[in-house]
N, C-alpha and C. Protein backbone atom coordinates (compact mmCIF):
# COMPACT_ATOMS: atom_id res chain seq x y z
N UNK A 1 148.89 41.50 92.90
CA UNK A 1 148.11 42.59 93.47
C UNK A 1 146.65 42.37 93.09
N UNK A 2 145.76 42.42 94.07
CA UNK A 2 144.36 42.16 93.79
C UNK A 2 143.58 43.46 93.73
N UNK A 3 142.56 43.45 92.89
CA UNK A 3 141.69 44.61 92.74
C UNK A 3 140.30 44.19 93.16
N UNK A 4 139.87 44.62 94.36
CA UNK A 4 138.59 44.17 94.90
C UNK A 4 137.41 44.70 94.09
N UNK A 5 137.60 45.78 93.33
CA UNK A 5 136.50 46.35 92.56
C UNK A 5 136.43 45.80 91.13
N UNK A 6 137.22 44.80 90.83
CA UNK A 6 137.23 44.22 89.48
C UNK A 6 135.89 43.52 89.22
N UNK A 7 135.33 43.78 88.07
CA UNK A 7 134.05 43.20 87.69
C UNK A 7 134.20 41.71 87.37
N UNK A 8 133.19 40.93 87.76
CA UNK A 8 133.15 39.50 87.43
C UNK A 8 132.56 39.29 86.03
N UNK A 9 131.90 40.31 85.51
CA UNK A 9 131.18 40.19 84.23
C UNK A 9 132.05 39.64 83.09
N UNK A 10 133.24 40.19 82.82
CA UNK A 10 133.99 39.65 81.67
C UNK A 10 134.41 38.19 81.88
N UNK A 11 134.69 37.81 83.09
CA UNK A 11 135.09 36.43 83.38
C UNK A 11 133.91 35.48 83.18
N UNK A 12 132.73 35.91 83.61
CA UNK A 12 131.53 35.08 83.44
C UNK A 12 131.15 34.98 81.97
N UNK A 13 131.30 36.06 81.23
CA UNK A 13 131.00 36.03 79.79
C UNK A 13 131.93 35.06 79.08
N UNK A 14 133.23 35.13 79.38
CA UNK A 14 134.19 34.22 78.76
C UNK A 14 133.88 32.77 79.12
N UNK A 15 133.56 32.52 80.38
CA UNK A 15 133.26 31.14 80.81
C UNK A 15 132.01 30.61 80.13
N UNK A 16 130.95 31.43 80.07
CA UNK A 16 129.72 30.98 79.42
C UNK A 16 129.93 30.77 77.93
N UNK A 17 130.72 31.64 77.30
CA UNK A 17 131.02 31.50 75.87
C UNK A 17 131.74 30.17 75.61
N UNK A 18 132.72 29.86 76.44
CA UNK A 18 133.47 28.60 76.28
C UNK A 18 132.56 27.40 76.50
N UNK A 19 131.72 27.45 77.54
CA UNK A 19 130.81 26.35 77.83
C UNK A 19 129.85 26.12 76.67
N UNK A 20 129.31 27.20 76.11
CA UNK A 20 128.37 27.07 75.00
C UNK A 20 129.06 26.49 73.76
N UNK A 21 130.26 26.99 73.47
CA UNK A 21 130.99 26.48 72.31
C UNK A 21 131.32 25.00 72.49
N UNK A 22 131.77 24.61 73.68
CA UNK A 22 132.09 23.21 73.95
C UNK A 22 130.85 22.32 73.88
N UNK A 23 129.67 22.90 74.16
CA UNK A 23 128.42 22.15 74.13
C UNK A 23 127.79 22.12 72.74
N UNK A 24 128.42 22.78 71.78
CA UNK A 24 127.89 22.81 70.42
C UNK A 24 126.75 23.79 70.25
N UNK A 25 126.64 24.75 71.15
CA UNK A 25 125.58 25.75 71.06
C UNK A 25 126.10 27.06 70.49
N UNK A 26 125.19 27.92 70.09
CA UNK A 26 125.53 29.20 69.48
C UNK A 26 125.38 30.32 70.50
N UNK A 27 126.49 30.90 70.97
CA UNK A 27 126.39 31.96 71.97
C UNK A 27 125.96 33.30 71.36
N UNK A 28 125.02 33.94 72.03
CA UNK A 28 124.55 35.27 71.65
C UNK A 28 124.68 36.18 72.86
N UNK A 29 125.01 37.45 72.62
CA UNK A 29 125.01 38.43 73.70
C UNK A 29 123.96 39.48 73.42
N UNK A 30 123.43 40.05 74.50
CA UNK A 30 122.48 41.16 74.42
C UNK A 30 123.25 42.39 74.88
N UNK A 31 123.25 43.43 74.03
CA UNK A 31 124.00 44.65 74.31
C UNK A 31 123.05 45.83 74.44
N UNK A 32 123.24 46.61 75.49
CA UNK A 32 122.51 47.87 75.68
C UNK A 32 123.24 48.92 74.86
N UNK A 33 122.62 49.40 73.79
CA UNK A 33 123.29 50.30 72.86
C UNK A 33 123.31 51.75 73.34
N UNK A 34 122.76 52.03 74.52
CA UNK A 34 122.76 53.40 75.04
C UNK A 34 124.10 53.77 75.68
N UNK A 35 124.99 52.79 75.88
CA UNK A 35 126.30 53.07 76.48
C UNK A 35 127.19 53.79 75.48
N UNK A 36 127.99 54.71 75.97
CA UNK A 36 128.96 55.41 75.14
C UNK A 36 129.96 54.41 74.57
N UNK A 37 130.29 54.58 73.31
CA UNK A 37 131.32 53.76 72.69
C UNK A 37 130.81 52.52 71.99
N UNK A 38 129.54 52.15 72.17
CA UNK A 38 129.01 50.97 71.49
C UNK A 38 129.02 51.22 69.99
N UNK A 39 129.63 50.30 69.24
CA UNK A 39 129.67 50.39 67.78
C UNK A 39 129.02 49.14 67.21
N UNK A 40 127.78 49.29 66.77
CA UNK A 40 127.01 48.20 66.17
C UNK A 40 126.22 48.79 65.00
N UNK A 41 125.77 47.95 64.07
CA UNK A 41 124.97 48.48 62.96
C UNK A 41 123.63 49.02 63.49
N UNK A 42 123.39 50.29 63.27
CA UNK A 42 122.21 50.96 63.82
C UNK A 42 120.90 50.35 63.36
N UNK A 43 120.86 49.84 62.13
CA UNK A 43 119.60 49.30 61.59
C UNK A 43 119.15 48.01 62.29
N UNK A 44 120.03 47.41 63.11
CA UNK A 44 119.67 46.17 63.81
C UNK A 44 119.33 46.40 65.28
N UNK A 45 119.32 47.64 65.72
CA UNK A 45 118.99 47.95 67.11
C UNK A 45 117.47 47.95 67.27
N UNK A 46 116.99 47.28 68.32
CA UNK A 46 115.56 47.27 68.64
C UNK A 46 115.39 47.60 70.11
N UNK A 47 114.59 48.60 70.40
CA UNK A 47 114.33 49.02 71.78
C UNK A 47 115.62 49.30 72.56
N UNK A 48 116.61 49.89 71.89
CA UNK A 48 117.85 50.25 72.55
C UNK A 48 118.80 49.09 72.82
N UNK A 49 118.49 47.93 72.23
CA UNK A 49 119.32 46.74 72.45
C UNK A 49 119.59 46.05 71.11
N UNK A 50 120.64 45.26 71.11
CA UNK A 50 120.95 44.45 69.93
C UNK A 50 121.41 43.08 70.41
N UNK A 51 121.01 42.05 69.67
CA UNK A 51 121.45 40.68 69.96
C UNK A 51 122.50 40.32 68.92
N UNK A 52 123.66 39.87 69.40
CA UNK A 52 124.77 39.56 68.53
C UNK A 52 125.21 38.12 68.67
N UNK A 53 125.38 37.45 67.55
CA UNK A 53 125.89 36.08 67.51
C UNK A 53 127.40 36.17 67.66
N UNK A 54 127.93 35.58 68.74
CA UNK A 54 129.38 35.62 68.94
C UNK A 54 130.00 34.22 68.83
N UNK A 55 129.39 33.40 67.97
CA UNK A 55 129.97 32.07 67.71
C UNK A 55 131.24 32.24 66.88
N UNK A 56 132.06 31.22 66.90
CA UNK A 56 133.33 31.25 66.17
C UNK A 56 133.10 31.48 64.67
N UNK A 57 132.01 30.92 64.13
CA UNK A 57 131.76 31.04 62.69
C UNK A 57 131.20 32.42 62.31
N UNK A 58 130.61 33.13 63.24
CA UNK A 58 130.00 34.43 62.93
C UNK A 58 130.85 35.62 63.35
N UNK A 59 131.55 35.50 64.46
CA UNK A 59 132.32 36.61 65.01
C UNK A 59 133.81 36.37 64.74
N UNK A 60 134.33 37.03 63.73
CA UNK A 60 135.73 36.84 63.34
C UNK A 60 136.63 37.73 64.19
N UNK A 61 137.76 37.16 64.61
CA UNK A 61 138.72 37.87 65.46
C UNK A 61 138.05 38.33 66.77
N UNK A 62 137.25 37.44 67.33
CA UNK A 62 136.53 37.74 68.58
C UNK A 62 137.51 37.96 69.72
N UNK A 63 137.31 39.07 70.44
CA UNK A 63 138.10 39.36 71.63
C UNK A 63 137.13 39.65 72.77
N UNK A 64 137.24 38.86 73.83
CA UNK A 64 136.44 39.05 75.04
C UNK A 64 137.40 39.48 76.14
N UNK A 65 137.67 40.78 76.21
CA UNK A 65 138.63 41.30 77.19
C UNK A 65 137.89 41.78 78.43
N UNK A 66 138.64 42.23 79.41
CA UNK A 66 138.02 42.76 80.62
C UNK A 66 137.32 44.09 80.36
N UNK A 67 137.65 44.74 79.25
CA UNK A 67 137.09 46.06 78.94
C UNK A 67 135.98 46.04 77.90
N UNK A 68 136.06 45.11 76.94
CA UNK A 68 135.11 45.17 75.83
C UNK A 68 134.99 43.83 75.12
N UNK A 69 133.92 43.74 74.31
CA UNK A 69 133.73 42.64 73.37
C UNK A 69 133.93 43.26 71.99
N UNK A 70 134.80 42.66 71.19
CA UNK A 70 135.01 43.19 69.85
C UNK A 70 135.18 42.05 68.87
N UNK A 71 134.72 42.28 67.64
CA UNK A 71 134.84 41.30 66.57
C UNK A 71 134.40 41.93 65.26
N UNK A 72 134.62 41.21 64.18
CA UNK A 72 134.16 41.64 62.85
C UNK A 72 133.12 40.63 62.41
N UNK A 73 132.00 41.14 61.92
CA UNK A 73 130.91 40.27 61.46
C UNK A 73 130.26 40.88 60.23
N UNK A 74 129.46 40.06 59.58
CA UNK A 74 128.70 40.54 58.42
C UNK A 74 127.25 40.72 58.84
N UNK A 75 126.72 41.85 58.45
CA UNK A 75 125.31 42.17 58.70
C UNK A 75 124.70 42.48 57.34
N UNK A 76 123.81 41.59 56.88
CA UNK A 76 123.25 41.76 55.55
C UNK A 76 124.32 41.74 54.48
N UNK A 77 125.38 40.95 54.71
CA UNK A 77 126.45 40.81 53.74
C UNK A 77 127.52 41.89 53.81
N UNK A 78 127.31 42.88 54.68
CA UNK A 78 128.26 43.99 54.79
C UNK A 78 129.11 43.80 56.05
N UNK A 79 130.45 43.80 55.91
CA UNK A 79 131.31 43.63 57.09
C UNK A 79 131.21 44.85 58.01
N UNK A 80 131.29 44.56 59.33
CA UNK A 80 131.18 45.63 60.33
C UNK A 80 132.05 45.26 61.52
N UNK A 81 132.82 46.24 62.01
CA UNK A 81 133.63 46.03 63.22
C UNK A 81 132.80 46.40 64.44
N UNK A 82 132.44 45.39 65.22
CA UNK A 82 131.60 45.58 66.41
C UNK A 82 132.49 45.83 67.61
N UNK A 83 132.08 46.75 68.46
CA UNK A 83 132.78 47.02 69.71
C UNK A 83 131.74 47.38 70.76
N UNK A 84 131.78 46.70 71.90
CA UNK A 84 130.83 46.97 72.98
C UNK A 84 131.58 46.94 74.31
N UNK A 85 131.50 48.04 75.08
CA UNK A 85 132.11 48.01 76.41
C UNK A 85 131.50 46.87 77.22
N UNK A 86 132.29 46.24 78.05
CA UNK A 86 131.83 45.08 78.80
C UNK A 86 130.61 45.43 79.65
N UNK A 87 130.54 46.66 80.16
CA UNK A 87 129.39 47.08 80.98
C UNK A 87 128.09 47.13 80.18
N UNK A 88 128.19 47.23 78.86
CA UNK A 88 126.99 47.30 78.03
C UNK A 88 126.39 45.92 77.75
N UNK A 89 127.13 44.85 78.06
CA UNK A 89 126.64 43.49 77.81
C UNK A 89 125.66 43.12 78.93
N UNK A 90 124.40 42.96 78.56
CA UNK A 90 123.35 42.66 79.53
C UNK A 90 123.19 41.17 79.78
N UNK A 91 123.66 40.33 78.85
CA UNK A 91 123.50 38.89 79.04
C UNK A 91 124.15 38.12 77.92
N UNK A 92 124.29 36.83 78.18
CA UNK A 92 124.80 35.88 77.19
C UNK A 92 123.95 34.63 77.31
N UNK A 93 123.54 34.08 76.15
CA UNK A 93 122.70 32.88 76.19
C UNK A 93 122.94 32.04 74.94
N UNK A 94 122.58 30.76 75.04
CA UNK A 94 122.69 29.84 73.91
C UNK A 94 121.41 29.90 73.09
N UNK A 95 121.55 30.14 71.80
CA UNK A 95 120.38 30.27 70.94
C UNK A 95 119.50 29.01 70.99
N UNK A 96 120.11 27.85 71.03
CA UNK A 96 119.36 26.60 70.95
C UNK A 96 118.55 26.30 72.21
N UNK A 97 119.06 26.69 73.36
CA UNK A 97 118.41 26.30 74.62
C UNK A 97 117.87 27.49 75.42
N UNK A 98 118.38 28.68 75.14
CA UNK A 98 118.00 29.84 75.93
C UNK A 98 118.74 29.91 77.26
N UNK A 99 119.56 28.90 77.55
CA UNK A 99 120.32 28.91 78.81
C UNK A 99 121.43 29.93 78.74
N UNK A 100 121.65 30.62 79.84
CA UNK A 100 122.70 31.60 79.87
C UNK A 100 122.71 32.38 81.16
N UNK A 101 123.09 33.64 81.05
CA UNK A 101 123.25 34.48 82.23
C UNK A 101 122.85 35.91 81.87
N UNK A 102 122.08 36.53 82.76
CA UNK A 102 121.67 37.92 82.59
C UNK A 102 122.38 38.75 83.65
N UNK A 103 122.86 39.93 83.26
CA UNK A 103 123.53 40.83 84.19
C UNK A 103 122.67 42.07 84.40
N UNK A 104 122.65 42.57 85.61
CA UNK A 104 121.93 43.81 85.87
C UNK A 104 122.92 44.95 85.87
N UNK A 105 122.42 46.16 85.68
CA UNK A 105 123.31 47.33 85.67
C UNK A 105 123.99 47.50 87.02
N UNK A 106 123.36 47.06 88.10
CA UNK A 106 123.94 47.25 89.42
C UNK A 106 124.86 46.10 89.83
N UNK A 107 125.12 45.16 88.92
CA UNK A 107 125.99 44.04 89.28
C UNK A 107 127.45 44.48 89.41
N UNK A 108 127.75 45.72 89.05
CA UNK A 108 129.09 46.24 89.18
C UNK A 108 129.35 46.78 90.60
N UNK A 109 128.33 46.80 91.43
CA UNK A 109 128.48 47.30 92.79
C UNK A 109 129.30 46.33 93.61
N UNK A 110 130.01 46.84 94.61
CA UNK A 110 130.78 45.94 95.46
C UNK A 110 129.85 44.98 96.20
N UNK A 111 130.37 43.83 96.53
CA UNK A 111 129.57 42.84 97.25
C UNK A 111 129.35 43.29 98.68
N UNK A 112 128.25 42.86 99.31
CA UNK A 112 128.01 43.25 100.69
C UNK A 112 129.09 42.70 101.61
N UNK A 113 129.29 43.35 102.74
CA UNK A 113 130.32 42.87 103.65
C UNK A 113 130.01 41.48 104.16
N UNK A 114 131.06 40.75 104.49
CA UNK A 114 130.90 39.39 104.99
C UNK A 114 130.28 39.43 106.39
N UNK A 115 129.32 38.55 106.62
CA UNK A 115 128.68 38.48 107.93
C UNK A 115 129.34 37.37 108.72
N UNK A 116 129.77 37.69 109.91
CA UNK A 116 130.40 36.67 110.76
C UNK A 116 129.31 35.96 111.56
N UNK A 117 129.47 34.68 111.69
CA UNK A 117 128.47 33.91 112.42
C UNK A 117 128.70 34.05 113.92
N UNK A 118 127.61 33.99 114.64
CA UNK A 118 127.72 34.09 116.09
C UNK A 118 127.98 32.70 116.68
N UNK A 119 128.31 32.65 117.95
CA UNK A 119 128.55 31.39 118.64
C UNK A 119 127.29 30.53 118.59
N UNK A 120 126.12 31.16 118.74
CA UNK A 120 124.85 30.41 118.71
C UNK A 120 124.63 29.75 117.35
N UNK A 121 125.01 30.45 116.25
CA UNK A 121 124.85 29.87 114.92
C UNK A 121 125.70 28.61 114.77
N UNK A 122 126.91 28.63 115.32
CA UNK A 122 127.80 27.48 115.21
C UNK A 122 127.25 26.30 116.00
N UNK A 123 126.65 26.56 117.17
CA UNK A 123 126.12 25.47 117.99
C UNK A 123 124.90 24.83 117.33
N UNK A 124 124.13 25.58 116.58
CA UNK A 124 122.90 25.07 115.98
C UNK A 124 123.18 24.17 114.78
N UNK A 125 124.37 24.26 114.22
CA UNK A 125 124.72 23.45 113.05
C UNK A 125 124.95 22.01 113.42
N UNK A 126 124.47 21.07 112.60
CA UNK A 126 124.75 19.66 112.89
C UNK A 126 126.22 19.35 112.68
N UNK A 127 126.71 18.43 113.43
CA UNK A 127 128.10 18.00 113.30
C UNK A 127 128.10 16.58 112.79
N UNK A 128 128.93 16.34 111.78
CA UNK A 128 129.01 15.01 111.17
C UNK A 128 130.33 14.38 111.56
N UNK A 129 130.30 13.05 111.72
CA UNK A 129 131.54 12.34 111.94
C UNK A 129 131.51 11.06 111.16
N UNK A 130 132.70 10.55 110.84
CA UNK A 130 132.80 9.34 110.05
C UNK A 130 132.59 8.13 110.95
N UNK A 131 131.69 7.24 110.50
CA UNK A 131 131.41 6.01 111.25
C UNK A 131 131.85 4.86 110.38
N UNK A 132 132.69 3.98 110.93
CA UNK A 132 133.19 2.84 110.15
C UNK A 132 132.57 1.57 110.64
C-alpha cells in the first residue's frame, strides 16, 4: 500500500548520512528547535537552531526513523538523550566539506501534478537511432 503524502525527508537524511559515513566524513544535522517535542540541550541553541554531530562515534544508539532522529550524546561531558521530529531537521551536511542537503519547511507539500506533453512537444524532440 503506497502513501502519496509520505515525506522524502527521512529517506534523504538516511541516504546522506550513509554516504557521508562511507566517505569518511562527519555528518551534522541542523535542527529547528521551535518545533514541539524537540529535546536538545538548551544551552547549545543559537538563533532557534542547533547543530548536532550524528556520526557513529558521537551519536550513540542513533535512530533515523520516518518520524524522528534520536540518539544519546555527551554535551560538555554530560550525557543527554536527543530527540528531534523529522520535520524539525532543516539540513544535513558533512563537517569537512560542507556538502549536504537543506530542506525547506514547505518541502512537505505534495508535488505538483504531472504535466503531460503535447503532440507538438514530442515532434520537436530529436530522435536517435543506432548506426552500425
